C-alpha atoms as a PDB file:
ATOM      1  CA  MET A   1     -29.203 -86.922 -26.053  1.00  0.00           C
ATOM      2  CA  SER A   2     -28.395 -90.600 -26.675  1.00  0.00           C
ATOM      3  CA  ALA A   3     -26.936 -92.076 -29.784  1.00  0.00           C
ATOM      4  CA  ALA A   4     -29.939 -94.043 -30.491  1.00  0.00           C
ATOM      5  CA  LEU A   5     -32.035 -90.881 -30.365  1.00  0.00           C
ATOM      6  CA  ASP A   6     -29.583 -89.149 -32.867  1.00  0.00           C
ATOM      7  CA  LEU A   7     -30.152 -92.108 -35.030  1.00  0.00           C
ATOM      8  CA  GLN A   8     -34.047 -92.243 -35.045  1.00  0.00           C
ATOM      9  CA  PRO A   9     -34.391 -90.044 -38.203  1.00  0.00           C
ATOM     10  CA  ALA A  10     -32.024 -92.138 -40.289  1.00  0.00           C
ATOM     11  CA  PHE A  11     -33.538 -95.494 -39.234  1.00  0.00           C
ATOM     12  CA  ARG A  12     -37.131 -94.002 -40.073  1.00  0.00           C
ATOM     13  CA  ALA A  13     -35.755 -92.812 -43.485  1.00  0.00           C
ATOM     14  CA  LEU A  14     -34.022 -96.552 -44.008  1.00  0.00           C
ATOM     15  CA  SER A  15     -37.265 -98.544 -42.721  1.00  0.00           C
ATOM     16  CA  ASP A  16     -39.130 -97.793 -46.292  1.00  0.00           C
ATOM     17  CA  PRO A  17     -37.613-100.064 -49.255  1.00  0.00           C
ATOM     18  CA  THR A  18     -38.600 -97.248 -51.837  1.00  0.00           C
ATOM     19  CA  ARG A  19     -36.166 -94.782 -49.847  1.00  0.00           C
ATOM     20  CA  ARG A  20     -33.369 -97.324 -49.539  1.00  0.00           C
ATOM     21  CA  ASP A  21     -33.801 -97.942 -53.281  1.00  0.00           C
ATOM     22  CA  ILE A  22     -33.585 -93.987 -54.040  1.00  0.00           C
ATOM     23  CA  LEU A  23     -30.759 -93.848 -51.725  1.00  0.00           C
ATOM     24  CA  ARG A  24     -29.010 -96.619 -54.069  1.00  0.00           C
ATOM     25  CA  ARG A  25     -29.869 -94.732 -56.883  1.00  0.00           C
ATOM     26  CA  LEU A  26     -28.227 -91.523 -55.572  1.00  0.00           C
ATOM     27  CA  SER A  27     -24.945 -93.104 -54.544  1.00  0.00           C
ATOM     28  CA  ALA A  28     -24.126 -93.489 -58.176  1.00  0.00           C
ATOM     29  CA  ARG A  29     -24.999 -89.622 -59.096  1.00  0.00           C
ATOM     30  CA  GLU A  30     -26.586 -86.475 -57.824  1.00  0.00           C
ATOM     31  CA  MET A  31     -29.938 -86.131 -59.411  1.00  0.00           C
ATOM     32  CA  THR A  32     -33.068 -83.979 -59.835  1.00  0.00           C
ATOM     33  CA  LEU A  33     -36.465 -84.756 -58.728  1.00  0.00           C
ATOM     34  CA  ALA A  34     -37.701 -85.251 -62.212  1.00  0.00           C
ATOM     35  CA  GLU A  35     -34.897 -88.222 -62.750  1.00  0.00           C
ATOM     36  CA  VAL A  36     -35.519 -89.675 -59.453  1.00  0.00           C
ATOM     37  CA  THR A  37     -39.249 -89.810 -60.140  1.00  0.00           C
ATOM     38  CA  ALA A  38     -38.500 -91.285 -63.614  1.00  0.00           C
ATOM     39  CA  GLN A  39     -36.861 -94.182 -62.112  1.00  0.00           C
ATOM     40  CA  CYS A  40     -39.332 -94.528 -59.634  1.00  0.00           C
ATOM     41  CA  ASP A  41     -43.236 -96.084 -60.287  1.00  0.00           C
ATOM     42  CA  MET A  42     -45.015 -93.188 -58.271  1.00  0.00           C
ATOM     43  CA  THR A  43     -45.858 -89.542 -58.594  1.00  0.00           C
ATOM     44  CA  ARG A  44     -43.611 -86.605 -58.440  1.00  0.00           C
ATOM     45  CA  ALA A  45     -45.240 -85.883 -55.059  1.00  0.00           C
ATOM     46  CA  ALA A  46     -44.777 -89.067 -53.370  1.00  0.00           C
ATOM     47  CA  VAL A  47     -40.853 -89.181 -54.583  1.00  0.00           C
ATOM     48  CA  LYS A  48     -40.488 -85.739 -52.838  1.00  0.00           C
ATOM     49  CA  LYS A  49     -41.985 -87.026 -49.794  1.00  0.00           C
ATOM     50  CA  HIS A  50     -39.570 -89.792 -49.632  1.00  0.00           C
ATOM     51  CA  LEU A  51     -36.774 -87.355 -50.356  1.00  0.00           C
ATOM     52  CA  VAL A  52     -38.091 -85.171 -47.658  1.00  0.00           C
ATOM     53  CA  VAL A  53     -37.815 -88.109 -45.237  1.00  0.00           C
ATOM     54  CA  LEU A  54     -34.496 -88.794 -46.501  1.00  0.00           C
ATOM     55  CA  GLN A  55     -33.033 -85.184 -45.866  1.00  0.00           C
ATOM     56  CA  GLN A  56     -34.726 -85.301 -42.212  1.00  0.00           C
ATOM     57  CA  GLY A  57     -32.586 -88.455 -41.415  1.00  0.00           C
ATOM     58  CA  ASN A  58     -29.598 -86.456 -43.017  1.00  0.00           C
ATOM     59  CA  LEU A  59     -28.967 -89.360 -45.568  1.00  0.00           C
ATOM     60  CA  ILE A  60     -29.026 -87.207 -48.463  1.00  0.00           C
ATOM     61  CA  HIS A  61     -28.036 -83.369 -49.483  1.00  0.00           C
ATOM     62  CA  MET A  62     -30.389 -81.030 -51.565  1.00  0.00           C
ATOM     63  CA  ARG A  63     -29.190 -77.934 -53.181  1.00  0.00           C
ATOM     64  CA  ARG A  64     -30.451 -75.496 -55.361  1.00  0.00           C
ATOM     65  CA  ALA A  65     -28.889 -75.274 -58.888  1.00  0.00           C
ATOM     66  CA  GLY A  66     -31.099 -72.745 -60.797  1.00  0.00           C
ATOM     67  CA  ARG A  67     -34.654 -73.862 -60.930  1.00  0.00           C
ATOM     68  CA  GLU A  68     -33.827 -77.478 -60.145  1.00  0.00           C
ATOM     69  CA  THR A  69     -33.105 -79.202 -56.847  1.00  0.00           C
ATOM     70  CA  LEU A  70     -30.352 -81.532 -56.580  1.00  0.00           C
ATOM     71  CA  SER A  71     -30.133 -84.435 -54.559  1.00  0.00           C
ATOM     72  CA  SER A  72     -27.337 -86.441 -53.342  1.00  0.00           C
ATOM     73  CA  LEU A  73     -26.128 -89.282 -51.083  1.00  0.00           C
ATOM     74  CA  ASN A  74     -24.481 -87.988 -47.519  1.00  0.00           C
ATOM     75  CA  PRO A  75     -22.511 -91.279 -46.986  1.00  0.00           C
ATOM     76  CA  ASP A  76     -21.073 -89.624 -44.079  1.00  0.00           C
ATOM     77  CA  ALA A  77     -24.454 -90.000 -42.329  1.00  0.00           C
ATOM     78  CA  LEU A  78     -24.622 -93.591 -42.833  1.00  0.00           C
ATOM     79  CA  LYS A  79     -21.373 -94.433 -40.737  1.00  0.00           C
ATOM     80  CA  PRO A  80     -23.002 -93.994 -37.124  1.00  0.00           C
ATOM     81  CA  VAL A  81     -25.846 -96.763 -38.489  1.00  0.00           C
ATOM     82  CA  VAL A  82     -23.099 -98.754 -39.759  1.00  0.00           C
ATOM     83  CA  ASP A  83     -21.362 -98.313 -36.312  1.00  0.00           C
ATOM     84  CA  TRP A  84     -24.559 -99.069 -34.560  1.00  0.00           C
ATOM     85  CA  LEU A  85     -25.419-102.270 -36.438  1.00  0.00           C
ATOM     86  CA  SER A  86     -21.902-103.389 -36.306  1.00  0.00           C
ATOM     87  CA  TYR A  87     -22.410-104.079 -32.375  1.00  0.00           C
ATOM     88  CA  PHE A  88     -24.906-106.810 -33.315  1.00  0.00           C
ATOM     89  CA  GLU A  89     -22.788-108.333 -35.955  1.00  0.00           C
ATOM     90  CA  ALA A  90     -20.209-108.648 -33.264  1.00  0.00           C
ATOM     91  CA  PHE A  91     -22.802-109.993 -30.735  1.00  0.00           C
ATOM     92  CA  TRP A  92     -24.068-112.527 -33.097  1.00  0.00           C
ATOM     93  CA  ASP A  93     -20.591-113.659 -34.230  1.00  0.00           C
ATOM     94  CA  THR A  94     -19.517-114.137 -30.383  1.00  0.00           C
ATOM     95  CA  HIS A  95     -22.978-116.016 -29.715  1.00  0.00           C
ATOM     96  CA  LEU A  96     -22.729-118.275 -33.123  1.00  0.00           C
ATOM     97  CA  THR A  97     -19.044-118.932 -32.127  1.00  0.00           C
ATOM     98  CA  ASN A  98     -20.099-120.141 -28.563  1.00  0.00           C
ATOM     99  CA  LEU A  99     -22.743-122.229 -30.330  1.00  0.00           C
ATOM    100  CA  HIS A 100     -20.393-123.950 -32.430  1.00  0.00           C
ATOM    101  CA  ASP A 101     -17.919-124.683 -29.585  1.00  0.00           C
ATOM    102  CA  VAL A 102     -20.661-126.367 -27.686  1.00  0.00           C
ATOM    103  CA  LEU A 103     -21.907-128.349 -30.496  1.00  0.00           C
ATOM    104  CA  SER A 104     -18.590-129.528 -31.112  1.00  0.00           C
ATOM    105  CA  ASN A 105     -17.697-130.445 -27.625  1.00  0.00           C
ATOM    106  CA  SER A 106     -21.117-132.450 -27.449  1.00  0.00           C
ATOM    107  CA  GLU A 107     -19.979-134.389 -30.874  1.00  0.00           C
ATOM    108  CA  GLU A 108     -16.413-135.144 -29.093  1.00  0.00           C
ATOM    109  CA  ASN A 109     -18.029-136.434 -25.979  1.00  0.00           C
ATOM    110  CA  GLN A 110     -20.527-138.758 -27.745  1.00  0.00           C
END
């Protein structure tokens, strides 16, 4: 299985702005479903669906604590995503540097 296929659930989870906001909130502390719901403008069921997608992407951990389920950020799961994206950062750095060089040479030759 290729690395790109392994990242598909994480990218799917990150594709939604609500899920990215939930991840940001969970980066500060572990939260219950009720705590996440209180900070979002949506129903408990909708928040639960978002948490399930985040869990499927391995971006959060969910654990039982008595009658509650606590969700927390899984920061280790973000590293492969960042590594994949960093390739494109290097790509653009190289291409923009090349463009700068071409433009600089063009100005010098005028």
